């Protein structure tokens, strides 16, 4: 039997199978510029950082195919052996088409299903913004090369205007397409960049359709929003407990002082270590008046953690699950960078966040009166 005809029958069979299951998907790729037997991979990114290959195939006669089941839309990526980059594809029920017209994966497109068509719409409509940003960047490089301060100032102003236009476009896109996974992904980035107050991000999230909110990305963002809202200034800090260096359990509300500073740090974090002498000085100054510090370490190696405590002279309660940014307390407080701190009053109400240096000194001076 002719090889191309056999390949056609195989792809047809996938489409027939897909029609039998409402959650089935097929990806039919057209990659005529890619050599036969080249490997193609289907990848997902779990927990925002972990890359995982979930399927693989090969190119034959300029085509490749995947098939499987996917109930809720999720972002995936098609990778092609020996080619840089990745092709974003929303995995969802239906027949997805991936067109790879050249060996430049930036030219590839995924279409054929509602979410992928909407993804292409977003990418096409944001292309002018990207081109303008690239133009400003190139002009800025030229201005810097000749130290043209006037041009650099004008370009910074122009870039600020562009950022405002992009933000307005993205917010309108989210509102106009509440059923789009790309809307959720854009909202997730807005939240991560702290471009909007958490309350506004939360309102936008609630406006999204239920299937989108129930996607893995939606569930994760909902948890982060809840943590952020629960740890905003004026909220009562969520209680927590964790193991100390000697293995005993330490609880937040059993160790509250008149003023309590929760210090998120790690032995491997140089800015954290640089800040520790200041914390020691402040602790020694105000401890007698009810100042308490509780250290929450984002370390991985227990010995490193213990040695840092000893070397830096940290004599206040310390706890860690030794899980880096995956620890339960880190998730509870939505900590995404360290050093980070939260100041509580005697009732556990959050009164300040992420104060360092003179700002921290000024806050404690105000609270203790000297």
Protein backbone atom coordinates (compact mmCIF):
# COMPACT_ATOMS: atom_id res chain seq x y z
CA UNK A 1 0.00 0.00 0.00
CA UNK A 2 1.24 3.50 -0.83
CA UNK A 3 2.87 5.07 2.26
CA UNK A 4 1.13 8.45 1.84
CA UNK A 5 -2.23 6.72 1.46
CA UNK A 6 -1.56 4.69 4.62
CA UNK A 7 -0.73 7.91 6.45
CA UNK A 8 -3.97 9.46 5.20
CA UNK A 9 -5.96 6.48 6.49
CA UNK A 10 -4.24 6.77 9.85
CA UNK A 11 -5.14 10.44 10.23
CA UNK A 12 -8.69 9.74 9.08
CA UNK A 13 -8.98 7.04 11.73
CA UNK A 14 -7.92 9.53 14.41
CA UNK A 15 -10.65 11.92 13.32
CA UNK A 16 -13.25 9.14 13.40
CA UNK A 17 -12.18 8.13 16.90
CA UNK A 18 -12.33 11.75 18.03
CA UNK A 19 -15.93 12.04 16.90
CA UNK A 20 -16.86 9.16 19.22
CA UNK A 21 -15.74 10.95 22.39
CA UNK A 22 -16.73 14.51 23.24
CA UNK A 23 -13.42 15.04 25.08
CA UNK A 24 -11.19 13.75 22.28
CA UNK A 25 -8.79 15.93 20.39
CA UNK A 26 -6.60 15.50 17.36
CA UNK A 27 -3.67 17.64 16.32
CA UNK A 28 -2.88 17.44 12.65
CA UNK A 29 0.36 19.18 11.79
CA UNK A 30 1.47 20.35 8.39
CA UNK A 31 5.26 20.73 8.35
CA UNK A 32 6.43 20.41 4.76
CA UNK A 33 9.68 22.27 5.55
CA UNK A 34 10.65 19.67 8.14
CA UNK A 35 12.57 16.52 7.20
CA UNK A 36 11.01 13.08 7.52
CA UNK A 37 11.63 11.20 10.79
CA UNK A 38 12.13 14.46 12.70
CA UNK A 39 10.79 14.05 16.24
CA UNK A 40 7.87 16.22 17.38
CA UNK A 41 6.94 16.59 21.04
CA UNK A 42 3.82 17.73 22.86
CA UNK A 43 4.76 19.51 26.08
CA UNK A 44 2.92 20.97 29.05
CA UNK A 45 4.30 23.25 31.76
CA UNK A 46 3.17 22.14 35.21
CA UNK A 47 3.17 24.37 38.29
CA UNK A 48 4.32 27.27 36.07
CA UNK A 49 7.90 25.97 35.86
CA UNK A 50 8.13 22.20 35.27
CA UNK A 51 8.30 21.18 31.61
CA UNK A 52 6.79 17.76 30.88
CA UNK A 53 6.64 15.88 27.58
CA UNK A 54 3.28 14.11 27.38
CA UNK A 55 3.49 12.68 23.84
CA UNK A 56 5.82 12.36 20.89
CA UNK A 57 5.63 11.44 17.21
CA UNK A 58 7.58 11.89 13.98
CA UNK A 59 7.16 13.83 10.76
CA UNK A 60 6.29 11.68 7.74
CA UNK A 61 5.70 13.15 4.29
CA UNK A 62 5.42 16.62 5.79
CA UNK A 63 2.76 15.80 8.38
CA UNK A 64 2.57 14.75 12.02
CA UNK A 65 -0.32 13.96 14.36
CA UNK A 66 -1.28 13.60 18.01
CA UNK A 67 -4.50 12.41 19.55
CA UNK A 68 -5.88 12.08 23.06
CA UNK A 69 -8.51 13.35 25.47
CA UNK A 70 -8.79 16.75 27.13
CA UNK A 71 -11.88 17.91 28.98
CA UNK A 72 -10.94 21.50 29.84
CA UNK A 73 -8.75 23.78 27.70
CA UNK A 74 -5.09 23.90 28.75
CA UNK A 75 -2.08 25.54 27.14
CA UNK A 76 0.45 23.12 25.63
CA UNK A 77 3.42 23.51 23.31
CA UNK A 78 4.57 21.66 20.19
CA UNK A 79 8.34 21.29 19.97
CA UNK A 80 10.16 20.14 16.84
CA UNK A 81 13.56 18.50 17.00
CA UNK A 82 16.49 20.76 16.02
CA UNK A 83 14.27 23.86 15.79
CA UNK A 84 14.38 26.65 18.35
CA UNK A 85 11.25 27.79 20.09
CA UNK A 86 7.85 26.22 20.63
CA UNK A 87 4.39 26.48 19.11
CA UNK A 88 1.65 27.38 21.63
CA UNK A 89 -1.40 25.15 21.23
CA UNK A 90 -4.52 25.11 23.38
CA UNK A 91 -5.41 21.50 23.95
CA UNK A 92 -9.19 21.12 23.87
CA UNK A 93 -11.73 18.75 22.31
CA UNK A 94 -11.85 18.97 18.53
CA UNK A 95 -9.64 18.90 15.47
CA UNK A 96 -6.69 21.21 15.95
CA UNK A 97 -4.54 22.20 12.98
CA UNK A 98 -0.92 23.25 13.36
CA UNK A 99 0.65 24.86 10.31
CA UNK A 100 4.46 25.04 10.27
CA UNK A 101 5.27 26.84 6.99
CA UNK A 102 9.03 27.09 7.59
CA UNK A 103 11.77 26.19 10.02
CA UNK A 104 11.00 29.41 11.92
CA UNK A 105 8.49 28.35 14.56
CA UNK A 106 7.44 31.97 15.11
CA UNK A 107 5.58 31.68 11.81
CA UNK A 108 3.63 28.60 12.96
CA UNK A 109 -0.06 28.84 13.81
CA UNK A 110 -2.59 26.67 15.62
CA UNK A 111 -6.21 26.92 14.46
CA UNK A 112 -9.37 24.89 14.03
CA UNK A 113 -10.93 25.04 17.50
CA UNK A 114 -12.47 27.99 19.40
CA UNK A 115 -9.62 28.45 21.86
CA UNK A 116 -6.88 28.20 19.25
CA UNK A 117 -8.69 30.58 16.92
CA UNK A 118 -9.01 33.06 19.80
CA UNK A 119 -5.32 32.61 20.63
CA UNK A 120 -4.42 33.54 17.04
CA UNK A 121 -6.76 36.53 17.20
CA UNK A 122 -4.99 37.78 20.33
CA UNK A 123 -1.53 37.24 18.84
CA UNK A 124 -2.48 39.00 15.61
CA UNK A 125 -3.99 41.99 17.40
CA UNK A 126 -1.01 42.39 19.73
CA UNK A 127 1.54 42.14 16.92
CA UNK A 128 1.53 45.92 16.25
CA UNK A 129 2.33 46.55 19.92
CA UNK A 130 5.27 44.14 19.74
CA UNK A 131 6.58 45.79 16.58
CA UNK A 132 6.35 49.23 18.19
CA UNK A 133 8.17 47.97 21.29
CA UNK A 134 10.95 46.55 19.13
CA UNK A 135 11.25 49.83 17.26
CA UNK A 136 11.51 51.79 20.51
CA UNK A 137 14.12 49.36 21.78
CA UNK A 138 16.22 49.76 18.66
CA UNK A 139 15.94 53.56 18.79
CA UNK A 140 16.88 53.52 22.47
CA UNK A 141 20.02 51.50 21.74
CA UNK A 142 21.06 54.02 19.09
CA UNK A 143 20.36 56.96 21.41
CA UNK A 144 22.36 55.37 24.22
CA UNK A 145 25.27 54.74 21.87
CA UNK A 146 25.64 58.47 21.23
CA UNK A 147 24.46 59.55 24.72
CA UNK A 148 21.49 61.44 23.29
CA UNK A 149 19.70 62.13 26.57
CA UNK A 150 16.86 64.10 25.01
CA UNK A 151 15.98 61.24 22.66
CA UNK A 152 16.26 58.69 25.47
CA UNK A 153 13.84 60.66 27.64
CA UNK A 154 11.39 60.95 24.74
CA UNK A 155 11.65 57.23 24.04
CA UNK A 156 11.02 56.37 27.71
CA UNK A 157 7.91 58.51 27.59
CA UNK A 158 6.82 56.86 24.35
CA UNK A 159 7.33 53.42 25.90
CA UNK A 160 5.25 54.40 28.93
CA UNK A 161 2.41 55.44 26.62
CA UNK A 162 2.73 52.12 24.78
CA UNK A 163 2.54 50.19 28.06
CA UNK A 164 -0.68 52.00 28.96
CA UNK A 165 -2.15 51.19 25.54
CA UNK A 166 -1.22 47.53 25.90
CA UNK A 167 -2.76 47.33 29.36
CA UNK A 168 -5.99 48.94 28.15
CA UNK A 169 -6.14 46.55 25.18
CA UNK A 170 -5.55 43.49 27.38
CA UNK A 171 -8.18 44.51 29.93
CA UNK A 172 -10.74 45.08 27.17
CA UNK A 173 -9.80 41.75 25.57
CA UNK A 174 -10.40 39.91 28.85
CA UNK A 175 -13.78 41.59 29.30
CA UNK A 176 -14.82 40.86 25.72
CA UNK A 177 -13.67 37.22 25.79
CA UNK A 178 -14.50 35.77 29.24
CA UNK A 179 -14.57 32.27 27.76
CA UNK A 180 -11.00 32.44 26.45
CA UNK A 181 -8.08 30.61 27.98
CA UNK A 182 -5.82 33.32 26.59
CA UNK A 183 -7.82 35.83 28.66
CA UNK A 184 -7.00 33.82 31.78
CA UNK A 185 -3.31 33.61 30.85
CA UNK A 186 -3.13 37.36 30.26
CA UNK A 187 -4.86 37.96 33.60
CA UNK A 188 -2.40 35.64 35.30
CA UNK A 189 0.50 37.71 33.93
CA UNK A 190 -1.17 40.96 35.02
CA UNK A 191 -1.51 39.54 38.53
CA UNK A 192 2.10 38.36 38.62
CA UNK A 193 3.37 41.77 37.48
CA UNK A 194 1.18 43.56 40.08
CA UNK A 195 -0.08 45.94 37.41
CA UNK A 196 -3.54 46.10 39.04
CA UNK A 197 -4.83 45.95 42.62
CA UNK A 198 -5.62 42.39 43.68
CA UNK A 199 -9.28 43.25 44.14
CA UNK A 200 -9.57 44.30 40.47
CA UNK A 201 -7.79 41.17 39.29
CA UNK A 202 -10.15 39.11 41.43
CA UNK A 203 -13.20 40.81 39.90
CA UNK A 204 -11.90 40.11 36.40
CA UNK A 205 -11.23 36.49 37.33
CA UNK A 206 -14.79 36.06 38.61
CA UNK A 207 -16.11 37.38 35.28
CA UNK A 208 -14.48 34.49 33.38
CA UNK A 209 -16.53 31.46 32.33
CA UNK A 210 -16.69 28.45 34.64
CA UNK A 211 -14.74 26.07 32.35
CA UNK A 212 -11.90 28.58 32.18
CA UNK A 213 -11.88 29.08 35.95
CA UNK A 214 -11.87 25.30 36.43
CA UNK A 215 -8.80 24.78 34.23
CA UNK A 216 -5.56 23.99 36.04
CA UNK A 217 -4.33 27.54 35.45
CA UNK A 218 -7.65 28.90 36.70
CA UNK A 219 -7.53 26.81 39.87
CA UNK A 220 -3.96 27.92 40.55
CA UNK A 221 -4.74 31.60 40.00
CA UNK A 222 -7.81 31.33 42.24
CA UNK A 223 -5.63 29.97 45.04
CA UNK A 224 -3.07 32.74 44.56
CA UNK A 225 -5.76 35.42 44.57
CA UNK A 226 -7.28 33.99 47.73
CA UNK A 227 -3.88 33.96 49.42
CA UNK A 228 -3.18 37.53 48.34
CA UNK A 229 -6.56 38.79 49.51
CA UNK A 230 -6.18 36.92 52.80
CA UNK A 231 -2.78 38.54 53.38
CA UNK A 232 -3.58 42.11 52.39
CA UNK A 233 -3.10 44.96 54.85
CA UNK A 234 -5.99 45.00 57.33
CA UNK A 235 -6.66 41.24 57.04
CA UNK A 236 -6.00 38.83 59.86
CA UNK A 237 -2.95 36.77 59.00
CA UNK A 238 -3.67 33.09 58.31
CA UNK A 239 -2.30 30.85 61.02
CA UNK A 240 0.42 28.34 60.19
CA UNK A 241 2.82 25.92 61.77
CA UNK A 242 5.98 24.16 60.70
CA UNK A 243 9.03 22.28 61.93
CA UNK A 244 11.85 24.05 63.71
CA UNK A 245 15.50 23.00 63.29
CA UNK A 246 15.16 20.58 66.24
CA UNK A 247 12.00 19.03 64.76
CA UNK A 248 9.49 20.58 67.16
CA UNK A 249 6.45 22.34 65.76
CA UNK A 250 6.13 26.13 65.82
CA UNK A 251 2.78 27.89 65.38
CA UNK A 252 2.35 31.51 64.42
CA UNK A 253 -0.39 32.42 66.88
CA UNK A 254 1.39 30.75 69.79
CA UNK A 255 4.37 33.06 69.21
CA UNK A 256 2.76 36.45 68.55
CA UNK A 257 4.29 39.49 70.22
CA UNK A 258 2.98 43.02 70.58
CA UNK A 259 4.42 43.44 67.09
CA UNK A 260 5.43 40.41 65.01
CA UNK A 261 7.49 40.34 61.84
CA UNK A 262 7.20 37.23 59.67
CA UNK A 263 10.48 37.02 57.78
CA UNK A 264 10.56 34.92 54.59
CA UNK A 265 14.20 34.21 53.80
CA UNK A 266 16.70 31.47 52.86
CA UNK A 267 20.36 30.65 53.43
CA UNK A 268 20.98 30.83 49.66
CA UNK A 269 19.37 34.29 49.32
CA UNK A 270 22.14 36.92 49.40
CA UNK A 271 19.81 39.93 49.93
CA UNK A 272 18.21 38.03 52.82
CA UNK A 273 21.58 37.35 54.43
CA UNK A 274 22.60 40.97 53.94
CA UNK A 275 19.44 42.07 55.75
CA UNK A 276 19.88 39.73 58.72
CA UNK A 277 22.29 41.96 60.71
CA UNK A 278 19.70 44.75 60.62
CA UNK A 279 17.00 42.38 61.85
CA UNK A 280 19.25 41.21 64.68
CA UNK A 281 19.85 44.83 65.70
CA UNK A 282 16.13 45.66 65.63
CA UNK A 283 15.24 42.49 67.52
CA UNK A 284 17.76 43.29 70.25
CA UNK A 285 16.43 46.85 70.48
CA UNK A 286 12.71 46.09 70.72
CA UNK A 287 12.46 42.53 72.07
CA UNK A 288 11.91 43.76 75.63
CA UNK A 289 8.92 45.79 74.42
CA UNK A 290 7.22 42.81 72.78
CA UNK A 291 8.83 42.69 69.35
CA UNK A 292 8.84 39.17 67.87
CA UNK A 293 10.30 37.80 64.65
CA UNK A 294 9.33 34.45 63.14
CA UNK A 295 11.59 33.23 60.40
CA UNK A 296 10.14 31.12 57.59
CA UNK A 297 12.94 29.66 55.51
CA UNK A 298 12.62 28.69 51.86
CA UNK A 299 15.68 26.45 52.03
CA UNK A 300 16.07 22.97 50.59
CA UNK A 301 19.05 21.68 52.57
CA UNK A 302 18.56 21.53 56.34
CA UNK A 303 22.26 21.82 57.14
CA UNK A 304 22.57 25.03 55.10
CA UNK A 305 19.58 26.46 56.94
CA UNK A 306 20.95 25.55 60.39
CA UNK A 307 24.39 26.95 59.62
CA UNK A 308 22.92 30.23 58.34
CA UNK A 309 20.87 30.63 61.52
CA UNK A 310 23.99 30.14 63.64
CA UNK A 311 26.32 32.26 61.51
CA UNK A 312 23.87 35.19 61.34
CA UNK A 313 22.90 35.01 65.02
CA UNK A 314 19.17 34.56 64.45
CA UNK A 315 17.83 33.78 67.91
CA UNK A 316 14.11 34.10 67.20
CA UNK A 317 11.80 31.18 66.26
CA UNK A 318 12.64 29.59 62.91
CA UNK A 319 10.70 27.07 60.86
CA UNK A 320 10.90 25.53 57.41
CA UNK A 321 9.37 22.73 55.37
CA UNK A 322 12.57 22.68 53.28
CA UNK A 323 10.59 22.87 50.04
CA UNK A 324 11.87 26.13 48.53
CA UNK A 325 8.88 27.97 46.99
CA UNK A 326 6.67 24.85 47.15
CA UNK A 327 6.17 24.91 50.92
CA UNK A 328 2.63 25.22 52.33
CA UNK A 329 3.30 28.48 54.18
CA UNK A 330 4.79 30.02 51.05
CA UNK A 331 1.62 29.08 49.15
CA UNK A 332 -0.62 30.29 51.97
CA UNK A 333 1.00 33.74 51.84
CA UNK A 334 1.61 33.73 48.06
CA UNK A 335 5.31 34.47 48.45
CA UNK A 336 6.91 34.78 45.01
CA UNK A 337 10.22 36.43 45.90
CA UNK A 338 12.46 36.82 48.93
CA UNK A 339 13.32 38.57 51.13
CA UNK A 340 9.70 39.26 51.97
CA UNK A 341 8.13 40.26 55.27
CA UNK A 342 4.78 40.86 56.92
CA UNK A 343 4.23 42.86 60.11
CA UNK A 344 1.36 41.96 62.44
CA UNK A 345 -0.15 43.68 65.44
CA UNK A 346 -0.81 41.88 68.72
CA UNK A 347 -4.05 40.41 67.31
CA UNK A 348 -2.43 39.05 64.16
CA UNK A 349 -3.81 41.78 61.90
CA UNK A 350 -1.49 42.70 59.02
CA UNK A 351 -0.35 46.32 59.33
CA UNK A 352 2.56 46.43 56.84
CA UNK A 353 4.30 44.34 54.18
CA UNK A 354 7.75 44.10 52.63
CA UNK A 355 9.43 46.92 54.53
CA UNK A 356 13.22 47.00 54.48
CA UNK A 357 15.98 49.36 55.54
CA UNK A 358 14.85 52.88 56.56
CA UNK A 359 11.17 52.07 55.93
CA UNK A 360 11.28 49.16 58.40
CA UNK A 361 13.14 51.24 60.97
CA UNK A 362 10.60 54.06 60.60
CA UNK A 363 7.67 51.66 61.01
CA UNK A 364 9.07 50.12 64.22
CA UNK A 365 9.99 53.56 65.57
CA UNK A 366 6.39 54.63 65.09
CA UNK A 367 4.96 51.47 66.63
CA UNK A 368 7.18 51.46 69.70
CA UNK A 369 7.51 55.22 70.11
CA UNK A 370 11.30 55.48 69.92
